[in-house]
Amino acid sequence: MHIASLEQQRELMRYMNSFNEWLGHDVEDRQTELRGVSARIDQLRGDLNSLDLTRGTCKLHTTYILTYHL
C-alpha cells in the first residue's frame, strides 16, 4: 500500500509539472495575442489621428459589436 501511495504521488507530481508547463505556455500565448491587439489598436489610433478631419466629418460607417459567448 505504501508503494502504491508513492507511485500515486509521483504520478500526481508528473501531472502537475506538465500542467504547470502548459499553463506557462498558455500565458505566453495570450500575452502575445494581447500585445498584437494592442499594437493594432495603436496603429488604428494613429491612422485616425492622421486623417484630415478639418475638411468635414469622418465617413467611417462600420460599427463593431463585441459579443461574449459562454
PDB file of N, CA and C in Angstrom:
ATOM      1  N   MET A   1       0.821  -1.187   0.000  1.00  0.00           N
ATOM      2  CA  MET A   1       0.000   0.000   0.000  1.00  0.00           C
ATOM      3  C   MET A   1       0.874   1.262   0.000  1.00  0.00           C
ATOM      4  N   HIS A   2       1.958   1.197   0.721  1.00  0.00           N
ATOM      5  CA  HIS A   2       2.877   2.338   0.772  1.00  0.00           C
ATOM      6  C   HIS A   2       3.482   2.598  -0.608  1.00  0.00           C
ATOM      7  N   ILE A   3       3.839   1.544  -1.315  1.00  0.00           N
ATOM      8  CA  ILE A   3       4.424   1.689  -2.661  1.00  0.00           C
ATOM      9  C   ILE A   3       3.400   2.294  -3.619  1.00  0.00           C
ATOM     10  N   ALA A   4       2.154   1.862  -3.534  1.00  0.00           N
ATOM     11  CA  ALA A   4       1.104   2.412  -4.388  1.00  0.00           C
ATOM     12  C   ALA A   4       0.901   3.900  -4.102  1.00  0.00           C
ATOM     13  N   SER A   5       0.959   4.272  -2.849  1.00  0.00           N
ATOM     14  CA  SER A   5       0.804   5.672  -2.474  1.00  0.00           C
ATOM     15  C   SER A   5       1.952   6.511  -3.031  1.00  0.00           C
ATOM     16  N   LEU A   6       3.165   6.006  -2.957  1.00  0.00           N
ATOM     17  CA  LEU A   6       4.322   6.712  -3.516  1.00  0.00           C
ATOM     18  C   LEU A   6       4.183   6.866  -5.029  1.00  0.00           C
ATOM     19  N   GLU A   7       3.715   5.832  -5.686  1.00  0.00           N
ATOM     20  CA  GLU A   7       3.535   5.892  -7.147  1.00  0.00           C
ATOM     21  C   GLU A   7       2.452   6.909  -7.517  1.00  0.00           C
ATOM     22  N   GLN A   8       1.396   6.954  -6.741  1.00  0.00           N
ATOM     23  CA  GLN A   8       0.349   7.951  -6.983  1.00  0.00           C
ATOM     24  C   GLN A   8       0.894   9.368  -6.810  1.00  0.00           C
ATOM     25  N   GLN A   9       1.728   9.559  -5.795  1.00  0.00           N
ATOM     26  CA  GLN A   9       2.329  10.875  -5.568  1.00  0.00           C
ATOM     27  C   GLN A   9       3.243  11.254  -6.734  1.00  0.00           C
ATOM     28  N   ARG A  10       4.012  10.308  -7.221  1.00  0.00           N
ATOM     29  CA  ARG A  10       4.900  10.572  -8.371  1.00  0.00           C
ATOM     30  C   ARG A  10       4.084  10.921  -9.615  1.00  0.00           C
ATOM     31  N   GLU A  11       3.022  10.169  -9.834  1.00  0.00           N
ATOM     32  CA  GLU A  11       2.163  10.430 -10.989  1.00  0.00           C
ATOM     33  C   GLU A  11       1.513  11.812 -10.875  1.00  0.00           C
ATOM     34  N   LEU A  12       1.072  12.146  -9.679  1.00  0.00           N
ATOM     35  CA  LEU A  12       0.477  13.462  -9.454  1.00  0.00           C
ATOM     36  C   LEU A  12       1.508  14.567  -9.698  1.00  0.00           C
ATOM     37  N   MET A  13       2.726  14.377  -9.260  1.00  0.00           N
ATOM     38  CA  MET A  13       3.785  15.366  -9.477  1.00  0.00           C
ATOM     39  C   MET A  13       4.082  15.516 -10.977  1.00  0.00           C
ATOM     40  N   ARG A  14       4.125  14.410 -11.720  1.00  0.00           N
ATOM     41  CA  ARG A  14       4.343  14.481 -13.171  1.00  0.00           C
ATOM     42  C   ARG A  14       3.204  15.252 -13.830  1.00  0.00           C
ATOM     43  N   TYR A  15       1.987  14.954 -13.417  1.00  0.00           N
ATOM     44  CA  TYR A  15       0.826  15.646 -13.976  1.00  0.00           C
ATOM     45  C   TYR A  15       0.883  17.139 -13.669  1.00  0.00           C
ATOM     46  N   MET A  16       1.159  17.483 -12.422  1.00  0.00           N
ATOM     47  CA  MET A  16       1.200  18.892 -12.024  1.00  0.00           C
ATOM     48  C   MET A  16       2.320  19.639 -12.750  1.00  0.00           C
ATOM     49  N   ASN A  17       3.469  19.011 -12.920  1.00  0.00           N
ATOM     50  CA  ASN A  17       4.565  19.643 -13.664  1.00  0.00           C
ATOM     51  C   ASN A  17       4.166  19.883 -15.112  1.00  0.00           C
ATOM     52  N   SER A  18       3.525  18.899 -15.714  1.00  0.00           N
ATOM     53  CA  SER A  18       3.069  19.034 -17.095  1.00  0.00           C
ATOM     54  C   SER A  18       2.008  20.121 -17.210  1.00  0.00           C
ATOM     55  N   PHE A  19       1.078  20.138 -16.285  1.00  0.00           N
ATOM     56  CA  PHE A  19       0.024  21.138 -16.282  1.00  0.00           C
ATOM     57  C   PHE A  19       0.613  22.543 -16.091  1.00  0.00           C
ATOM     58  N   ASN A  20       1.559  22.683 -15.198  1.00  0.00           N
ATOM     59  CA  ASN A  20       2.205  23.964 -14.953  1.00  0.00           C
ATOM     60  C   ASN A  20       2.939  24.452 -16.212  1.00  0.00           C
ATOM     61  N   GLU A  21       3.591  23.542 -16.912  1.00  0.00           N
ATOM     62  CA  GLU A  21       4.272  23.897 -18.155  1.00  0.00           C
ATOM     63  C   GLU A  21       3.257  24.365 -19.200  1.00  0.00           C
ATOM     64  N   TRP A  22       2.151  23.627 -19.318  1.00  0.00           N
ATOM     65  CA  TRP A  22       1.108  24.007 -20.276  1.00  0.00           C
ATOM     66  C   TRP A  22       0.557  25.394 -19.939  1.00  0.00           C
ATOM     67  N   LEU A  23       0.291  25.648 -18.645  1.00  0.00           N
ATOM     68  CA  LEU A  23      -0.219  26.950 -18.232  1.00  0.00           C
ATOM     69  C   LEU A  23       0.760  28.069 -18.572  1.00  0.00           C
ATOM     70  N   GLY A  24       2.045  27.803 -18.377  1.00  0.00           N
ATOM     71  CA  GLY A  24       3.060  28.796 -18.704  1.00  0.00           C
ATOM     72  C   GLY A  24       3.034  29.154 -20.182  1.00  0.00           C
ATOM     73  N   HIS A  25       2.923  28.132 -21.043  1.00  0.00           N
ATOM     74  CA  HIS A  25       2.841  28.383 -22.485  1.00  0.00           C
ATOM     75  C   HIS A  25       1.555  29.123 -22.838  1.00  0.00           C
ATOM     76  N   ASP A  26       0.462  28.768 -22.193  1.00  0.00           N
ATOM     77  CA  ASP A  26      -0.815  29.418 -22.458  1.00  0.00           C
ATOM     78  C   ASP A  26      -0.753  30.900 -22.087  1.00  0.00           C
ATOM     79  N   VAL A  27      -0.145  31.209 -20.965  1.00  0.00           N
ATOM     80  CA  VAL A  27       0.005  32.607 -20.544  1.00  0.00           C
ATOM     81  C   VAL A  27       0.835  33.370 -21.571  1.00  0.00           C
ATOM     82  N   GLU A  28       1.931  32.773 -22.020  1.00  0.00           N
ATOM     83  CA  GLU A  28       2.780  33.425 -23.023  1.00  0.00           C
ATOM     84  C   GLU A  28       2.005  33.667 -24.316  1.00  0.00           C
ATOM     85  N   ASP A  29       1.236  32.666 -24.756  1.00  0.00           N
ATOM     86  CA  ASP A  29       0.449  32.812 -25.981  1.00  0.00           C
ATOM     87  C   ASP A  29      -0.575  33.934 -25.856  1.00  0.00           C
ATOM     88  N   ARG A  30      -1.259  33.989 -24.729  1.00  0.00           N
ATOM     89  CA  ARG A  30      -2.272  35.031 -24.527  1.00  0.00           C
ATOM     90  C   ARG A  30      -1.641  36.417 -24.440  1.00  0.00           C
ATOM     91  N   GLN A  31      -0.485  36.512 -23.803  1.00  0.00           N
ATOM     92  CA  GLN A  31       0.198  37.799 -23.735  1.00  0.00           C
ATOM     93  C   GLN A  31       0.631  38.256 -25.129  1.00  0.00           C
ATOM     94  N   THR A  32       1.100  37.321 -25.948  1.00  0.00           N
ATOM     95  CA  THR A  32       1.483  37.645 -27.319  1.00  0.00           C
ATOM     96  C   THR A  32       0.274  38.138 -28.106  1.00  0.00           C
ATOM     97  N   GLU A  33      -0.855  37.464 -27.961  1.00  0.00           N
ATOM     98  CA  GLU A  33      -2.078  37.889 -28.638  1.00  0.00           C
ATOM     99  C   GLU A  33      -2.501  39.281 -28.192  1.00  0.00           C
ATOM    100  N   LEU A  34      -2.447  39.541 -26.889  1.00  0.00           N
ATOM    101  CA  LEU A  34      -2.837  40.850 -26.382  1.00  0.00           C
ATOM    102  C   LEU A  34      -1.895  41.950 -26.869  1.00  0.00           C
ATOM    103  N   ARG A  35      -0.605  41.647 -26.949  1.00  0.00           N
ATOM    104  CA  ARG A  35       0.333  42.634 -27.488  1.00  0.00           C
ATOM    105  C   ARG A  35       0.005  42.940 -28.943  1.00  0.00           C
ATOM    106  N   GLY A  36      -0.388  41.918 -29.709  1.00  0.00           N
ATOM    107  CA  GLY A  36      -0.776  42.123 -31.102  1.00  0.00           C
ATOM    108  C   GLY A  36      -2.022  42.983 -31.217  1.00  0.00           C
ATOM    109  N   VAL A  37      -3.011  42.720 -30.379  1.00  0.00           N
ATOM    110  CA  VAL A  37      -4.237  43.524 -30.389  1.00  0.00           C
ATOM    111  C   VAL A  37      -3.914  44.964 -30.000  1.00  0.00           C
ATOM    112  N   SER A  38      -3.093  45.133 -28.981  1.00  0.00           N
ATOM    113  CA  SER A  38      -2.719  46.466 -28.541  1.00  0.00           C
ATOM    114  C   SER A  38      -1.979  47.222 -29.645  1.00  0.00           C
ATOM    115  N   ALA A  39      -1.083  46.541 -30.343  1.00  0.00           N
ATOM    116  CA  ALA A  39      -0.352  47.181 -31.442  1.00  0.00           C
ATOM    117  C   ALA A  39      -1.302  47.592 -32.555  1.00  0.00           C
ATOM    118  N   ARG A  40      -2.275  46.756 -32.846  1.00  0.00           N
ATOM    119  CA  ARG A  40      -3.250  47.084 -33.891  1.00  0.00           C
ATOM    120  C   ARG A  40      -4.105  48.287 -33.481  1.00  0.00           C
ATOM    121  N   ILE A  41      -4.508  48.341 -32.227  1.00  0.00           N
ATOM    122  CA  ILE A  41      -5.277  49.483 -31.732  1.00  0.00           C
ATOM    123  C   ILE A  41      -4.448  50.760 -31.847  1.00  0.00           C
ATOM    124  N   ASP A  42      -3.170  50.673 -31.469  1.00  0.00           N
ATOM    125  CA  ASP A  42      -2.291  51.837 -31.595  1.00  0.00           C
ATOM    126  C   ASP A  42      -2.173  52.277 -33.052  1.00  0.00           C
ATOM    127  N   GLN A  43      -2.066  51.297 -33.949  1.00  0.00           N
ATOM    128  CA  GLN A  43      -1.978  51.615 -35.371  1.00  0.00           C
ATOM    129  C   GLN A  43      -3.259  52.294 -35.864  1.00  0.00           C
ATOM    130  N   LEU A  44      -4.398  51.766 -35.472  1.00  0.00           N
ATOM    131  CA  LEU A  44      -5.670  52.366 -35.861  1.00  0.00           C
ATOM    132  C   LEU A  44      -5.815  53.782 -35.291  1.00  0.00           C
ATOM    133  N   ARG A  45      -5.397  53.953 -34.040  1.00  0.00           N
ATOM    134  CA  ARG A  45      -5.455  55.280 -33.428  1.00  0.00           C
ATOM    135  C   ARG A  45      -4.592  56.255 -34.221  1.00  0.00           C
ATOM    136  N   GLY A  46      -3.406  55.820 -34.595  1.00  0.00           N
ATOM    137  CA  GLY A  46      -2.531  56.669 -35.399  1.00  0.00           C
ATOM    138  C   GLY A  46      -3.126  56.985 -36.748  1.00  0.00           C
ATOM    139  N   ASP A  47      -3.730  55.990 -37.376  1.00  0.00           N
ATOM    140  CA  ASP A  47      -4.373  56.210 -38.675  1.00  0.00           C
ATOM    141  C   ASP A  47      -5.510  57.223 -38.558  1.00  0.00           C
ATOM    142  N   LEU A  48      -6.332  57.083 -37.513  1.00  0.00           N
ATOM    143  CA  LEU A  48      -7.441  58.018 -37.320  1.00  0.00           C
ATOM    144  C   LEU A  48      -6.932  59.427 -37.018  1.00  0.00           C
ATOM    145  N   ASN A  49      -5.870  59.505 -36.233  1.00  0.00           N
ATOM    146  CA  ASN A  49      -5.317  60.820 -35.904  1.00  0.00           C
ATOM    147  C   ASN A  49      -4.704  61.500 -37.124  1.00  0.00           C
ATOM    148  N   SER A  50      -4.264  60.716 -38.093  1.00  0.00           N
ATOM    149  CA  SER A  50      -3.631  61.312 -39.268  1.00  0.00           C
ATOM    150  C   SER A  50      -4.650  61.762 -40.322  1.00  0.00           C
ATOM    151  N   LEU A  51      -5.928  61.397 -40.150  1.00  0.00           N
ATOM    152  CA  LEU A  51      -6.951  61.846 -41.097  1.00  0.00           C
ATOM    153  C   LEU A  51      -7.142  63.347 -40.982  1.00  0.00           C
ATOM    154  N   ASP A  52      -7.388  63.970 -42.110  1.00  0.00           N
ATOM    155  CA  ASP A  52      -7.660  65.415 -42.092  1.00  0.00           C
ATOM    156  C   ASP A  52      -9.147  65.601 -41.829  1.00  0.00           C
ATOM    157  N   LEU A  53      -9.511  65.736 -40.572  1.00  0.00           N
ATOM    158  CA  LEU A  53     -10.913  65.862 -40.193  1.00  0.00           C
ATOM    159  C   LEU A  53     -11.408  67.299 -40.274  1.00  0.00           C
ATOM    160  N   THR A  54     -10.515  68.225 -40.641  1.00  0.00           N
ATOM    161  CA  THR A  54     -10.939  69.625 -40.732  1.00  0.00           C
ATOM    162  C   THR A  54     -11.733  69.893 -42.001  1.00  0.00           C
ATOM    163  N   ARG A  55     -11.701  68.963 -42.973  1.00  0.00           N
ATOM    164  CA  ARG A  55     -12.427  69.159 -44.236  1.00  0.00           C
ATOM    165  C   ARG A  55     -13.858  68.651 -44.162  1.00  0.00           C
ATOM    166  N   GLY A  56     -14.275  68.126 -43.092  1.00  0.00           N
ATOM    167  CA  GLY A  56     -15.640  67.610 -42.987  1.00  0.00           C
ATOM    168  C   GLY A  56     -15.699  66.504 -41.961  1.00  0.00           C
ATOM    169  N   THR A  57     -16.823  65.860 -41.936  1.00  0.00           N
ATOM    170  CA  THR A  57     -16.981  64.780 -40.967  1.00  0.00           C
ATOM    171  C   THR A  57     -16.323  63.510 -41.479  1.00  0.00           C
ATOM    172  N   CYS A  58     -15.920  62.705 -40.563  1.00  0.00           N
ATOM    173  CA  CYS A  58     -15.297  61.422 -40.888  1.00  0.00           C
ATOM    174  C   CYS A  58     -16.373  60.486 -41.424  1.00  0.00           C
ATOM    175  N   LYS A  59     -16.080  59.786 -42.485  1.00  0.00           N
ATOM    176  CA  LYS A  59     -17.065  58.924 -43.138  1.00  0.00           C
ATOM    177  C   LYS A  59     -16.880  57.451 -42.749  1.00  0.00           C
ATOM    178  N   LEU A  60     -16.581  57.200 -41.503  1.00  0.00           N
ATOM    179  CA  LEU A  60     -16.452  55.826 -41.039  1.00  0.00           C
ATOM    180  C   LEU A  60     -17.827  55.318 -40.641  1.00  0.00           C
ATOM    181  N   HIS A  61     -18.300  54.291 -41.320  1.00  0.00           N
ATOM    182  CA  HIS A  61     -19.650  53.790 -41.085  1.00  0.00           C
ATOM    183  C   HIS A  61     -19.675  52.402 -40.449  1.00  0.00           C
ATOM    184  N   THR A  62     -18.542  51.785 -40.286  1.00  0.00           N
ATOM    185  CA  THR A  62     -18.505  50.433 -39.763  1.00  0.00           C
ATOM    186  C   THR A  62     -18.692  50.456 -38.251  1.00  0.00           C
ATOM    187  N   THR A  63     -19.604  49.646 -37.782  1.00  0.00           N
ATOM    188  CA  THR A  63     -19.834  49.504 -36.352  1.00  0.00           C
ATOM    189  C   THR A  63     -19.450  48.091 -35.959  1.00  0.00           C
ATOM    190  N   TYR A  64     -18.651  47.980 -34.935  1.00  0.00           N
ATOM    191  CA  TYR A  64     -18.226  46.670 -34.454  1.00  0.00           C
ATOM    192  C   TYR A  64     -18.996  46.352 -33.179  1.00  0.00           C
ATOM    193  N   ILE A  65     -19.560  45.173 -33.144  1.00  0.00           N
ATOM    194  CA  ILE A  65     -20.298  44.724 -31.974  1.00  0.00           C
ATOM    195  C   ILE A  65     -19.546  43.534 -31.392  1.00  0.00           C
ATOM    196  N   LEU A  66     -19.114  43.681 -30.179  1.00  0.00           N
ATOM    197  CA  LEU A  66     -18.416  42.599 -29.491  1.00  0.00           C
ATOM    198  C   LEU A  66     -19.444  41.749 -28.771  1.00  0.00           C
ATOM    199  N   THR A  67     -19.357  40.467 -28.953  1.00  0.00           N
ATOM    200  CA  THR A  67     -20.276  39.567 -28.254  1.00  0.00           C
ATOM    201  C   THR A  67     -19.468  38.639 -27.382  1.00  0.00           C
ATOM    202  N   TYR A  68     -20.094  38.198 -26.352  1.00  0.00           N
ATOM    203  CA  TYR A  68     -19.467  37.294 -25.398  1.00  0.00           C
ATOM    204  C   TYR A  68     -20.316  36.034 -25.342  1.00  0.00           C
ATOM    205  N   HIS A  69     -19.694  34.917 -25.625  1.00  0.00           N
ATOM    206  CA  HIS A  69     -20.397  33.637 -25.592  1.00  0.00           C
ATOM    207  C   HIS A  69     -19.912  32.842 -24.399  1.00  0.00           C
ATOM    208  N   LEU A  70     -20.840  32.315 -23.659  1.00  0.00           N
ATOM    209  CA  LEU A  70     -20.496  31.465 -22.504  1.00  0.00           C
ATOM    210  C   LEU A  70     -20.185  30.081 -22.965  1.00  0.00           C
TER     211      LEU A  70
END
